[in-house]
Amino acid sequence: MKKEYTGPMRLAHRGLVQYAPENTLGAFEAALDHGFEGIEIDVQLSGDGEVIVAHDPNFTRMTLGSPTNPSNRRIREMTVAEIQAIDIPYANHLLPRALPPHTEVESMAIMPSRLMGQESGSDYIDALRRDRRMTHLMTFAEFDAWFSTRGERALIEIEVKAPGMMPRLAAILNASPNVDRYVLFSGVPEYLEEMQGYCAEHGRPGGIRLGANLRQVNEQTLAFVDRADLYEVGLNDQCFGPDEVRLFADRGIRVFSNLGDYPGWWEKLAESGCMAFKTNYAEAYTDWWEARDRRP
């Protein structure tokens, strides 16, 4: 019988991106269908004031290779109808299930050619012949409605990627049955201040929990922590261990790890005591964890 998973919560970064393009419904469905404890999503603001689930401020990367409507348009200058009319290809926009056979630094070095469809045997023309599926972005209100149909008690990290969205976000969150499963956070100081200020003045929408992607511990980040209302903080790989986890625990704050998808970090992560971590390779990590757990 397979042993129950007991490691830190696995947050599928932008969804399970081996099954559908990032931040799309298919990626979110796959993450929950595979039993992962949470999902990290990103939100932008449209030109007509709607919160859109998307990481980038424009469509450049998401529509590379599209044979129908590749676009460089900015989400903030588009209406919801225009945004949802953009086709996002599956082809060359999925990650492999297995970890790549190179380090993260090496992966970044080869990424430009891969993104431009110039990698041998994987150009966009051939990829589109193999996989013609397209998908589209969704609003956060649509995400919230979809999540309401799921029975899982997953945790959803919502990363604010643009300014000015707190009033619309608050309206959705105040009416959401899922707000106790959400953590609202950002890694941009300006957006963190906006979020903290809005909640100090109006209250946390629906009682939502707040986070901050600090990346590392220093005097400046600790000064922010000591005056902020926080449930969790995000720290980069190799920037924390058990001591930092205890430091924040003494303040009543949980530590979530940022991306660090390589076994050398996973080994340290397992011993750090952190509550959760983001990963682009949730399945590969789970395979590693199960093999590690079988060691004598």
C-alpha atoms as a PDB file:
ATOM      1  CA  MET A   1       0.000   0.000   0.000  1.00  0.00           C
ATOM      2  CA  LYS A   2       1.319   3.433  -0.954  1.00  0.00           C
ATOM      3  CA  LYS A   3       2.374   5.506   2.056  1.00  0.00           C
ATOM      4  CA  GLU A   4       0.464   8.736   2.648  1.00  0.00           C
ATOM      5  CA  TYR A   5       2.383  11.860   1.658  1.00  0.00           C
ATOM      6  CA  THR A   6       3.587  13.748   4.749  1.00  0.00           C
ATOM      7  CA  GLY A   7       5.990  16.335   3.315  1.00  0.00           C
ATOM      8  CA  PRO A   8       5.421  20.090   2.922  1.00  0.00           C
ATOM      9  CA  MET A   9       2.347  21.131   0.954  1.00  0.00           C
ATOM     10  CA  ARG A  10       2.938  20.882  -2.796  1.00  0.00           C
ATOM     11  CA  LEU A  11       1.724  24.043  -4.538  1.00  0.00           C
ATOM     12  CA  ALA A  12       1.506  23.465  -8.288  1.00  0.00           C
ATOM     13  CA  HIS A  13       3.086  26.640  -9.676  1.00  0.00           C
ATOM     14  CA  ARG A  14       0.578  28.194 -12.110  1.00  0.00           C
ATOM     15  CA  GLY A  15      -1.193  24.834 -12.118  1.00  0.00           C
ATOM     16  CA  LEU A  16       0.103  21.463 -13.247  1.00  0.00           C
ATOM     17  CA  VAL A  17       1.802  22.728 -16.381  1.00  0.00           C
ATOM     18  CA  GLN A  18       2.580  19.285 -17.776  1.00  0.00           C
ATOM     19  CA  TYR A  19      -1.089  18.955 -18.773  1.00  0.00           C
ATOM     20  CA  ALA A  20      -2.156  22.419 -19.932  1.00  0.00           C
ATOM     21  CA  PRO A  21      -0.594  25.865 -20.375  1.00  0.00           C
ATOM     22  CA  GLU A  22       0.113  27.780 -17.178  1.00  0.00           C
ATOM     23  CA  ASN A  23      -2.677  29.635 -15.392  1.00  0.00           C
ATOM     24  CA  THR A  24      -5.408  27.962 -17.438  1.00  0.00           C
ATOM     25  CA  LEU A  25      -8.325  25.823 -16.339  1.00  0.00           C
ATOM     26  CA  GLY A  26      -6.788  22.588 -17.623  1.00  0.00           C
ATOM     27  CA  ALA A  27      -3.662  23.119 -15.516  1.00  0.00           C
ATOM     28  CA  PHE A  28      -5.738  23.838 -12.415  1.00  0.00           C
ATOM     29  CA  GLU A  29      -7.977  20.817 -12.944  1.00  0.00           C
ATOM     30  CA  ALA A  30      -4.942  18.569 -13.391  1.00  0.00           C
ATOM     31  CA  ALA A  31      -3.361  19.809 -10.147  1.00  0.00           C
ATOM     32  CA  LEU A  32      -6.438  18.950  -8.100  1.00  0.00           C
ATOM     33  CA  ASP A  33      -7.112  15.720  -9.999  1.00  0.00           C
ATOM     34  CA  HIS A  34      -3.582  14.572  -9.065  1.00  0.00           C
ATOM     35  CA  GLY A  35      -4.191  15.260  -5.396  1.00  0.00           C
ATOM     36  CA  PHE A  36      -1.753  18.105  -4.784  1.00  0.00           C
ATOM     37  CA  GLU A  37      -2.392  20.230  -1.739  1.00  0.00           C
ATOM     38  CA  GLY A  38      -2.477  23.588  -3.462  1.00  0.00           C
ATOM     39  CA  ILE A  39      -2.066  25.784  -6.505  1.00  0.00           C
ATOM     40  CA  GLU A  40      -0.290  29.091  -7.017  1.00  0.00           C
ATOM     41  CA  ILE A  41      -2.013  31.426  -9.480  1.00  0.00           C
ATOM     42  CA  ASP A  42      -1.252  34.949 -10.721  1.00  0.00           C
ATOM     43  CA  VAL A  43      -3.639  37.825 -11.353  1.00  0.00           C
ATOM     44  CA  GLN A  44      -3.510  40.876 -13.630  1.00  0.00           C
ATOM     45  CA  LEU A  45      -6.045  43.672 -14.220  1.00  0.00           C
ATOM     46  CA  SER A  46      -7.859  44.158 -17.532  1.00  0.00           C
ATOM     47  CA  GLY A  47      -8.604  47.483 -19.205  1.00  0.00           C
ATOM     48  CA  ASP A  48     -12.233  47.242 -18.148  1.00  0.00           C
ATOM     49  CA  GLY A  49     -11.382  46.593 -14.512  1.00  0.00           C
ATOM     50  CA  GLU A  50     -11.672  42.812 -14.274  1.00  0.00           C
ATOM     51  CA  VAL A  51      -9.179  40.563 -12.476  1.00  0.00           C
ATOM     52  CA  ILE A  52      -7.593  38.138 -14.969  1.00  0.00           C
ATOM     53  CA  VAL A  53      -5.720  34.955 -14.055  1.00  0.00           C
ATOM     54  CA  ALA A  54      -2.387  35.480 -15.846  1.00  0.00           C
ATOM     55  CA  HIS A  55       1.281  35.856 -14.980  1.00  0.00           C
ATOM     56  CA  ASP A  56       2.559  38.148 -17.720  1.00  0.00           C
ATOM     57  CA  PRO A  57       1.300  41.685 -18.380  1.00  0.00           C
ATOM     58  CA  ASN A  58       1.007  40.824 -22.078  1.00  0.00           C
ATOM     59  CA  PHE A  59       0.342  37.874 -24.390  1.00  0.00           C
ATOM     60  CA  THR A  60       3.782  37.725 -26.048  1.00  0.00           C
ATOM     61  CA  ARG A  61       5.034  34.533 -24.410  1.00  0.00           C
ATOM     62  CA  MET A  62       1.690  32.734 -24.129  1.00  0.00           C
ATOM     63  CA  THR A  63       0.850  33.055 -27.838  1.00  0.00           C
ATOM     64  CA  LEU A  64       4.256  32.232 -29.311  1.00  0.00           C
ATOM     65  CA  GLY A  65       3.681  29.793 -32.144  1.00  0.00           C
ATOM     66  CA  SER A  66      -0.036  30.512 -32.431  1.00  0.00           C
ATOM     67  CA  PRO A  67      -1.148  30.082 -36.068  1.00  0.00           C
ATOM     68  CA  THR A  68      -4.292  32.158 -35.486  1.00  0.00           C
ATOM     69  CA  ASN A  69      -3.621  35.280 -33.436  1.00  0.00           C
ATOM     70  CA  PRO A  70      -0.156  35.687 -31.890  1.00  0.00           C
ATOM     71  CA  SER A  71      -0.269  38.867 -29.847  1.00  0.00           C
ATOM     72  CA  ASN A  72       1.956  41.332 -28.015  1.00  0.00           C
ATOM     73  CA  ARG A  73      -0.998  43.228 -26.554  1.00  0.00           C
ATOM     74  CA  ARG A  74      -1.050  44.272 -22.908  1.00  0.00           C
ATOM     75  CA  ILE A  75      -3.758  42.784 -20.700  1.00  0.00           C
ATOM     76  CA  ARG A  76      -4.230  46.153 -18.983  1.00  0.00           C
ATOM     77  CA  GLU A  77      -5.227  47.695 -22.343  1.00  0.00           C
ATOM     78  CA  MET A  78      -7.735  44.982 -23.302  1.00  0.00           C
ATOM     79  CA  THR A  79     -11.307  44.156 -22.360  1.00  0.00           C
ATOM     80  CA  VAL A  80     -12.242  40.769 -20.960  1.00  0.00           C
ATOM     81  CA  ALA A  81     -13.896  39.874 -24.273  1.00  0.00           C
ATOM     82  CA  GLU A  82     -10.710  40.723 -26.185  1.00  0.00           C
ATOM     83  CA  ILE A  83      -8.552  38.789 -23.707  1.00  0.00           C
ATOM     84  CA  GLN A  84     -10.693  35.665 -23.905  1.00  0.00           C
ATOM     85  CA  ALA A  85     -10.703  35.740 -27.703  1.00  0.00           C
ATOM     86  CA  ILE A  86      -6.930  35.105 -27.738  1.00  0.00           C
ATOM     87  CA  ASP A  87      -6.000  31.482 -28.480  1.00  0.00           C
ATOM     88  CA  ILE A  88      -3.213  30.053 -26.320  1.00  0.00           C
ATOM     89  CA  PRO A  89      -1.549  26.980 -27.872  1.00  0.00           C
ATOM     90  CA  TYR A  90      -0.781  23.837 -25.946  1.00  0.00           C
ATOM     91  CA  ALA A  91       2.012  23.077 -28.415  1.00  0.00           C
ATOM     92  CA  ASN A  92       5.432  23.894 -26.933  1.00  0.00           C
ATOM     93  CA  HIS A  93       3.760  25.461 -23.892  1.00  0.00           C
ATOM     94  CA  LEU A  94       3.868  22.402 -21.603  1.00  0.00           C
ATOM     95  CA  LEU A  95       6.700  21.238 -19.360  1.00  0.00           C
ATOM     96  CA  PRO A  96       7.873  17.610 -19.333  1.00  0.00           C
ATOM     97  CA  ARG A  97       6.842  15.416 -16.417  1.00  0.00           C
ATOM     98  CA  ALA A  98      10.422  14.461 -15.596  1.00  0.00           C
ATOM     99  CA  LEU A  99      12.997  16.943 -14.333  1.00  0.00           C
ATOM    100  CA  PRO A 100      15.228  18.217 -17.170  1.00  0.00           C
ATOM    101  CA  PRO A 101      18.683  16.583 -17.308  1.00  0.00           C
ATOM    102  CA  HIS A 102      20.474  19.841 -16.482  1.00  0.00           C
ATOM    103  CA  THR A 103      20.684  22.387 -13.707  1.00  0.00           C
ATOM    104  CA  GLU A 104      18.325  25.336 -13.356  1.00  0.00           C
ATOM    105  CA  VAL A 105      21.096  27.689 -14.500  1.00  0.00           C
ATOM    106  CA  GLU A 106      21.622  25.616 -17.639  1.00  0.00           C
ATOM    107  CA  SER A 107      17.863  25.534 -18.214  1.00  0.00           C
ATOM    108  CA  MET A 108      17.732  29.345 -18.200  1.00  0.00           C
ATOM    109  CA  ALA A 109      20.613  29.476 -20.672  1.00  0.00           C
ATOM    110  CA  ILE A 110      18.792  27.343 -23.255  1.00  0.00           C
ATOM    111  CA  MET A 111      15.320  28.764 -22.584  1.00  0.00           C
ATOM    112  CA  PRO A 112      15.319  31.506 -25.272  1.00  0.00           C
ATOM    113  CA  SER A 113      15.741  29.081 -28.170  1.00  0.00           C
ATOM    114  CA  ARG A 114      13.127  26.762 -26.709  1.00  0.00           C
ATOM    115  CA  LEU A 115      10.619  29.586 -26.251  1.00  0.00           C
ATOM    116  CA  MET A 116      11.164  30.742 -29.832  1.00  0.00           C
ATOM    117  CA  GLY A 117      10.509  27.260 -31.188  1.00  0.00           C
ATOM    118  CA  GLN A 118      14.059  26.859 -32.461  1.00  0.00           C
ATOM    119  CA  GLU A 119      14.980  23.761 -30.486  1.00  0.00           C
ATOM    120  CA  SER A 120      15.849  20.880 -32.801  1.00  0.00           C
ATOM    121  CA  GLY A 121      12.873  18.568 -33.293  1.00  0.00           C
ATOM    122  CA  SER A 122      10.518  20.816 -31.345  1.00  0.00           C
ATOM    123  CA  ASP A 123       9.828  23.841 -33.530  1.00  0.00           C
ATOM    124  CA  TYR A 124       6.308  25.274 -33.424  1.00  0.00           C
ATOM    125  CA  ILE A 125       5.285  24.063 -36.868  1.00  0.00           C
ATOM    126  CA  ASP A 126       5.981  20.428 -36.002  1.00  0.00           C
ATOM    127  CA  ALA A 127       4.593  20.846 -32.488  1.00  0.00           C
ATOM    128  CA  LEU A 128       1.307  22.266 -33.814  1.00  0.00           C
ATOM    129  CA  ARG A 129       0.958  19.359 -36.219  1.00  0.00           C
ATOM    130  CA  ARG A 130       1.139  17.025 -33.217  1.00  0.00           C
ATOM    131  CA  ASP A 131      -1.083  19.053 -30.893  1.00  0.00           C
ATOM    132  CA  ARG A 132      -3.630  21.553 -32.223  1.00  0.00           C
ATOM    133  CA  ARG A 133      -5.368  22.207 -28.894  1.00  0.00           C
ATOM    134  CA  MET A 134      -5.948  25.791 -27.803  1.00  0.00           C
ATOM    135  CA  THR A 135      -7.103  27.289 -24.526  1.00  0.00           C
ATOM    136  CA  HIS A 136      -7.916  30.732 -23.109  1.00  0.00           C
ATOM    137  CA  LEU A 137      -7.394  32.823 -20.005  1.00  0.00           C
ATOM    138  CA  MET A 138     -10.097  33.105 -17.377  1.00  0.00           C
ATOM    139  CA  THR A 139     -11.185  35.799 -14.948  1.00  0.00           C
ATOM    140  CA  PHE A 140     -10.591  35.323 -11.242  1.00  0.00           C
ATOM    141  CA  ALA A 141     -14.371  35.368 -10.741  1.00  0.00           C
ATOM    142  CA  GLU A 142     -14.576  32.394 -13.123  1.00  0.00           C
ATOM    143  CA  PHE A 143     -11.759  30.659 -11.253  1.00  0.00           C
ATOM    144  CA  ASP A 144     -13.595  31.209  -7.977  1.00  0.00           C
ATOM    145  CA  ALA A 145     -16.817  29.789  -9.440  1.00  0.00           C
ATOM    146  CA  TRP A 146     -14.943  26.743 -10.785  1.00  0.00           C
ATOM    147  CA  PHE A 147     -13.156  26.161  -7.473  1.00  0.00           C
ATOM    148  CA  SER A 148     -16.538  26.179  -5.753  1.00  0.00           C
ATOM    149  CA  THR A 149     -17.475  23.073  -7.755  1.00  0.00           C
ATOM    150  CA  ARG A 150     -14.486  21.112  -6.440  1.00  0.00           C
ATOM    151  CA  GLY A 151     -14.605  19.155  -3.226  1.00  0.00           C
ATOM    152  CA  GLU A 152     -10.894  19.389  -2.433  1.00  0.00           C
ATOM    153  CA  ARG A 153      -9.713  21.519   0.471  1.00  0.00           C
ATOM    154  CA  ALA A 154      -6.742  22.808  -1.493  1.00  0.00           C
ATOM    155  CA  LEU A 155      -4.872  25.989  -0.646  1.00  0.00           C
ATOM    156  CA  ILE A 156      -4.761  28.642  -3.381  1.00  0.00           C
ATOM    157  CA  GLU A 157      -1.987  31.237  -3.374  1.00  0.00           C
ATOM    158  CA  ILE A 158      -3.035  34.312  -5.384  1.00  0.00           C
ATOM    159  CA  GLU A 159      -0.096  36.451  -6.505  1.00  0.00           C
ATOM    160  CA  VAL A 160      -0.967  40.066  -7.318  1.00  0.00           C
ATOM    161  CA  LYS A 161       1.007  41.099 -10.417  1.00  0.00           C
ATOM    162  CA  ALA A 162      -0.422  44.578 -11.079  1.00  0.00           C
ATOM    163  CA  PRO A 163      -1.570  47.626  -9.116  1.00  0.00           C
ATOM    164  CA  GLY A 164      -5.087  48.904  -8.593  1.00  0.00           C
ATOM    165  CA  MET A 165      -7.018  45.645  -8.335  1.00  0.00           C
ATOM    166  CA  MET A 166      -7.865  45.556  -4.630  1.00  0.00           C
ATOM    167  CA  PRO A 167     -11.400  47.032  -4.940  1.00  0.00           C
ATOM    168  CA  ARG A 168     -12.452  44.461  -7.566  1.00  0.00           C
ATOM    169  CA  LEU A 169     -10.639  41.627  -5.776  1.00  0.00           C
ATOM    170  CA  ALA A 170     -12.346  42.609  -2.528  1.00  0.00           C
ATOM    171  CA  ALA A 171     -15.775  42.461  -4.176  1.00  0.00           C
ATOM    172  CA  ILE A 172     -15.110  38.911  -5.396  1.00  0.00           C
ATOM    173  CA  LEU A 173     -13.533  37.734  -2.147  1.00  0.00           C
ATOM    174  CA  ASN A 174     -16.275  39.174   0.046  1.00  0.00           C
ATOM    175  CA  ALA A 175     -18.818  37.079  -1.870  1.00  0.00           C
ATOM    176  CA  SER A 176     -16.642  33.958  -2.223  1.00  0.00           C
ATOM    177  CA  PRO A 177     -17.374  30.700  -0.389  1.00  0.00           C
ATOM    178  CA  ASN A 178     -13.702  29.806  -0.897  1.00  0.00           C
ATOM    179  CA  VAL A 179     -12.030  32.725   0.844  1.00  0.00           C
ATOM    180  CA  ASP A 180     -10.793  30.570   3.735  1.00  0.00           C
ATOM    181  CA  ARG A 181      -8.764  28.572   1.182  1.00  0.00           C
ATOM    182  CA  TYR A 182      -7.078  31.633  -0.351  1.00  0.00           C
ATOM    183  CA  VAL A 183      -3.844  33.441   0.518  1.00  0.00           C
ATOM    184  CA  LEU A 184      -3.336  36.792  -1.216  1.00  0.00           C
ATOM    185  CA  PHE A 185       0.279  37.854  -1.689  1.00  0.00           C
ATOM    186  CA  SER A 186       2.791  39.634  -3.910  1.00  0.00           C
ATOM    187  CA  GLY A 187       6.523  39.914  -4.394  1.00  0.00           C
ATOM    188  CA  VAL A 188       6.439  43.581  -5.451  1.00  0.00           C
ATOM    189  CA  PRO A 189       6.879  46.026  -2.541  1.00  0.00           C
ATOM    190  CA  GLU A 190       4.496  48.567  -4.111  1.00  0.00           C
ATOM    191  CA  TYR A 191       1.722  45.985  -4.415  1.00  0.00           C
ATOM    192  CA  LEU A 192       2.363  44.656  -0.916  1.00  0.00           C
ATOM    193  CA  GLU A 193       1.969  48.149   0.520  1.00  0.00           C
ATOM    194  CA  GLU A 194      -1.221  48.647  -1.499  1.00  0.00           C
ATOM    195  CA  MET A 195      -2.608  45.337  -0.253  1.00  0.00           C
ATOM    196  CA  GLN A 196      -1.676  45.955   3.375  1.00  0.00           C
ATOM    197  CA  GLY A 197      -3.002  49.525   3.242  1.00  0.00           C
ATOM    198  CA  TYR A 198      -6.330  48.491   1.708  1.00  0.00           C
ATOM    199  CA  CYS A 199      -6.841  45.788   4.303  1.00  0.00           C
ATOM    200  CA  ALA A 200      -5.876  48.088   7.165  1.00  0.00           C
ATOM    201  CA  GLU A 201      -8.492  50.611   6.008  1.00  0.00           C
ATOM    202  CA  HIS A 202     -11.299  48.304   4.877  1.00  0.00           C
ATOM    203  CA  GLY A 203     -10.527  45.019   6.621  1.00  0.00           C
ATOM    204  CA  ARG A 204      -9.283  41.864   4.976  1.00  0.00           C
ATOM    205  CA  PRO A 205     -11.890  40.942   2.286  1.00  0.00           C
ATOM    206  CA  GLY A 206     -13.838  37.976   3.595  1.00  0.00           C
ATOM    207  CA  GLY A 207     -11.126  37.559   6.239  1.00  0.00           C
ATOM    208  CA  ILE A 208      -8.611  36.421   3.596  1.00  0.00           C
ATOM    209  CA  ARG A 209      -5.090  35.611   4.762  1.00  0.00           C
ATOM    210  CA  LEU A 210      -2.181  37.701   3.452  1.00  0.00           C
ATOM    211  CA  GLY A 211       1.328  36.746   2.416  1.00  0.00           C
ATOM    212  CA  ALA A 212       4.508  38.374   1.139  1.00  0.00           C
ATOM    213  CA  ASN A 213       7.182  37.006  -1.162  1.00  0.00           C
ATOM    214  CA  LEU A 214      10.234  38.323   0.700  1.00  0.00           C
ATOM    215  CA  ARG A 215      12.747  36.110  -1.155  1.00  0.00           C
ATOM    216  CA  GLN A 216      15.322  36.488   1.637  1.00  0.00           C
ATOM    217  CA  VAL A 217      15.636  37.519   5.253  1.00  0.00           C
ATOM    218  CA  ASN A 218      17.358  40.827   5.972  1.00  0.00           C
ATOM    219  CA  GLU A 219      16.811  43.953   8.055  1.00  0.00           C
ATOM    220  CA  GLN A 220      14.548  45.526   5.455  1.00  0.00           C
ATOM    221  CA  THR A 221      12.290  42.498   5.000  1.00  0.00           C
ATOM    222  CA  LEU A 222      12.074  41.877   8.747  1.00  0.00           C
ATOM    223  CA  ALA A 223      11.105  45.515   9.309  1.00  0.00           C
ATOM    224  CA  PHE A 224       8.213  45.030   6.860  1.00  0.00           C
ATOM    225  CA  VAL A 225       7.190  41.768   8.535  1.00  0.00           C
ATOM    226  CA  ASP A 226       7.074  43.366  11.969  1.00  0.00           C
ATOM    227  CA  ARG A 227       4.570  46.021  10.858  1.00  0.00           C
ATOM    228  CA  ALA A 228       2.507  43.910   8.446  1.00  0.00           C
ATOM    229  CA  ASP A 229      -0.444  41.535   8.834  1.00  0.00           C
ATOM    230  CA  LEU A 230       0.919  38.244   7.469  1.00  0.00           C
ATOM    231  CA  TYR A 231      -0.033  34.588   7.430  1.00  0.00           C
ATOM    232  CA  GLU A 232       2.959  33.433   5.382  1.00  0.00           C
ATOM    233  CA  VAL A 233       6.171  34.613   3.744  1.00  0.00           C
ATOM    234  CA  GLY A 234       7.880  33.247   0.649  1.00  0.00           C
ATOM    235  CA  LEU A 235      11.644  32.666   0.701  1.00  0.00           C
ATOM    236  CA  ASN A 236      13.986  31.601  -2.094  1.00  0.00           C
ATOM    237  CA  ASP A 237      15.751  28.254  -2.192  1.00  0.00           C
ATOM    238  CA  GLN A 238      19.053  28.184  -0.279  1.00  0.00           C
ATOM    239  CA  CYS A 239      17.981  31.373   1.571  1.00  0.00           C
ATOM    240  CA  PHE A 240      16.470  29.646   4.582  1.00  0.00           C
ATOM    241  CA  GLY A 241      16.562  26.601   6.799  1.00  0.00           C
ATOM    242  CA  PRO A 242      15.153  25.507  10.176  1.00  0.00           C
ATOM    243  CA  ASP A 243      16.477  28.633  11.927  1.00  0.00           C
ATOM    244  CA  GLU A 244      14.565  30.985   9.619  1.00  0.00           C
ATOM    245  CA  VAL A 245      11.444  28.854   9.872  1.00  0.00           C
ATOM    246  CA  ARG A 246      11.621  29.155  13.672  1.00  0.00           C
ATOM    247  CA  LEU A 247      12.286  32.891  13.402  1.00  0.00           C
ATOM    248  CA  PHE A 248       8.994  33.397  11.576  1.00  0.00           C
ATOM    249  CA  ALA A 249       7.128  30.806  13.635  1.00  0.00           C
ATOM    250  CA  ASP A 250       7.911  32.898  16.718  1.00  0.00           C
ATOM    251  CA  ARG A 251       6.001  35.700  14.950  1.00  0.00           C
ATOM    252  CA  GLY A 252       3.091  33.385  14.096  1.00  0.00           C
ATOM    253  CA  ILE A 253       4.042  33.308  10.398  1.00  0.00           C
ATOM    254  CA  ARG A 254       4.520  30.274   8.121  1.00  0.00           C
ATOM    255  CA  VAL A 255       7.327  29.913   5.575  1.00  0.00           C
ATOM    256  CA  PHE A 256       6.568  28.897   1.994  1.00  0.00           C
ATOM    257  CA  SER A 257       9.501  28.088  -0.285  1.00  0.00           C
ATOM    258  CA  ASN A 258       9.779  29.632  -3.722  1.00  0.00           C
ATOM    259  CA  LEU A 259      10.796  27.521  -6.706  1.00  0.00           C
ATOM    260  CA  GLY A 260      13.823  25.294  -6.318  1.00  0.00           C
ATOM    261  CA  ASP A 261      13.169  22.297  -8.510  1.00  0.00           C
ATOM    262  CA  TYR A 262      16.226  20.141  -7.996  1.00  0.00           C
ATOM    263  CA  PRO A 263      16.850  17.276  -5.549  1.00  0.00           C
ATOM    264  CA  GLY A 264      19.646  19.100  -3.737  1.00  0.00           C
ATOM    265  CA  TRP A 265      17.107  21.671  -2.526  1.00  0.00           C
ATOM    266  CA  TRP A 266      14.308  19.163  -2.053  1.00  0.00           C
ATOM    267  CA  GLU A 267      16.484  17.300   0.462  1.00  0.00           C
ATOM    268  CA  LYS A 268      17.023  20.479   2.495  1.00  0.00           C
ATOM    269  CA  LEU A 269      13.386  21.458   2.102  1.00  0.00           C
ATOM    270  CA  ALA A 270      12.233  18.199   3.627  1.00  0.00           C
ATOM    271  CA  GLU A 271      14.231  18.970   6.783  1.00  0.00           C
ATOM    272  CA  SER A 272      13.503  22.705   7.006  1.00  0.00           C
ATOM    273  CA  GLY A 273      10.082  22.558   8.635  1.00  0.00           C
ATOM    274  CA  CYS A 274       8.534  24.926   6.077  1.00  0.00           C
ATOM    275  CA  MET A 275       4.801  24.586   5.535  1.00  0.00           C
ATOM    276  CA  ALA A 276       4.594  24.590   1.719  1.00  0.00           C
ATOM    277  CA  PHE A 277       6.570  25.082  -1.469  1.00  0.00           C
ATOM    278  CA  LYS A 278       5.935  26.061  -5.066  1.00  0.00           C
ATOM    279  CA  THR A 279       7.017  23.641  -7.764  1.00  0.00           C
ATOM    280  CA  ASN A 280       6.842  23.320 -11.535  1.00  0.00           C
ATOM    281  CA  TYR A 281       7.460  19.584 -11.186  1.00  0.00           C
ATOM    282  CA  ALA A 282       5.001  18.343  -8.589  1.00  0.00           C
ATOM    283  CA  GLU A 283       4.882  14.817 -10.030  1.00  0.00           C
ATOM    284  CA  ALA A 284       8.675  14.507 -10.318  1.00  0.00           C
ATOM    285  CA  TYR A 285       9.053  15.797  -6.760  1.00  0.00           C
ATOM    286  CA  THR A 286       6.496  13.257  -5.513  1.00  0.00           C
ATOM    287  CA  ASP A 287       8.390  10.430  -7.227  1.00  0.00           C
ATOM    288  CA  TRP A 288      11.595  11.665  -5.577  1.00  0.00           C
ATOM    289  CA  TRP A 289       9.939  11.948  -2.163  1.00  0.00           C
ATOM    290  CA  GLU A 290       8.503   8.443  -2.359  1.00  0.00           C
ATOM    291  CA  ALA A 291      11.908   7.022  -3.339  1.00  0.00           C
ATOM    292  CA  ARG A 292      13.561   9.015  -0.518  1.00  0.00           C
ATOM    293  CA  ASP A 293      10.994   7.760   1.970  1.00  0.00           C
ATOM    294  CA  ARG A 294      11.844   4.156   1.033  1.00  0.00           C
ATOM    295  CA  ARG A 295      15.482   4.566   1.918  1.00  0.00           C
ATOM    296  CA  PRO A 296      16.623   2.420   4.864  1.00  0.00           C
END
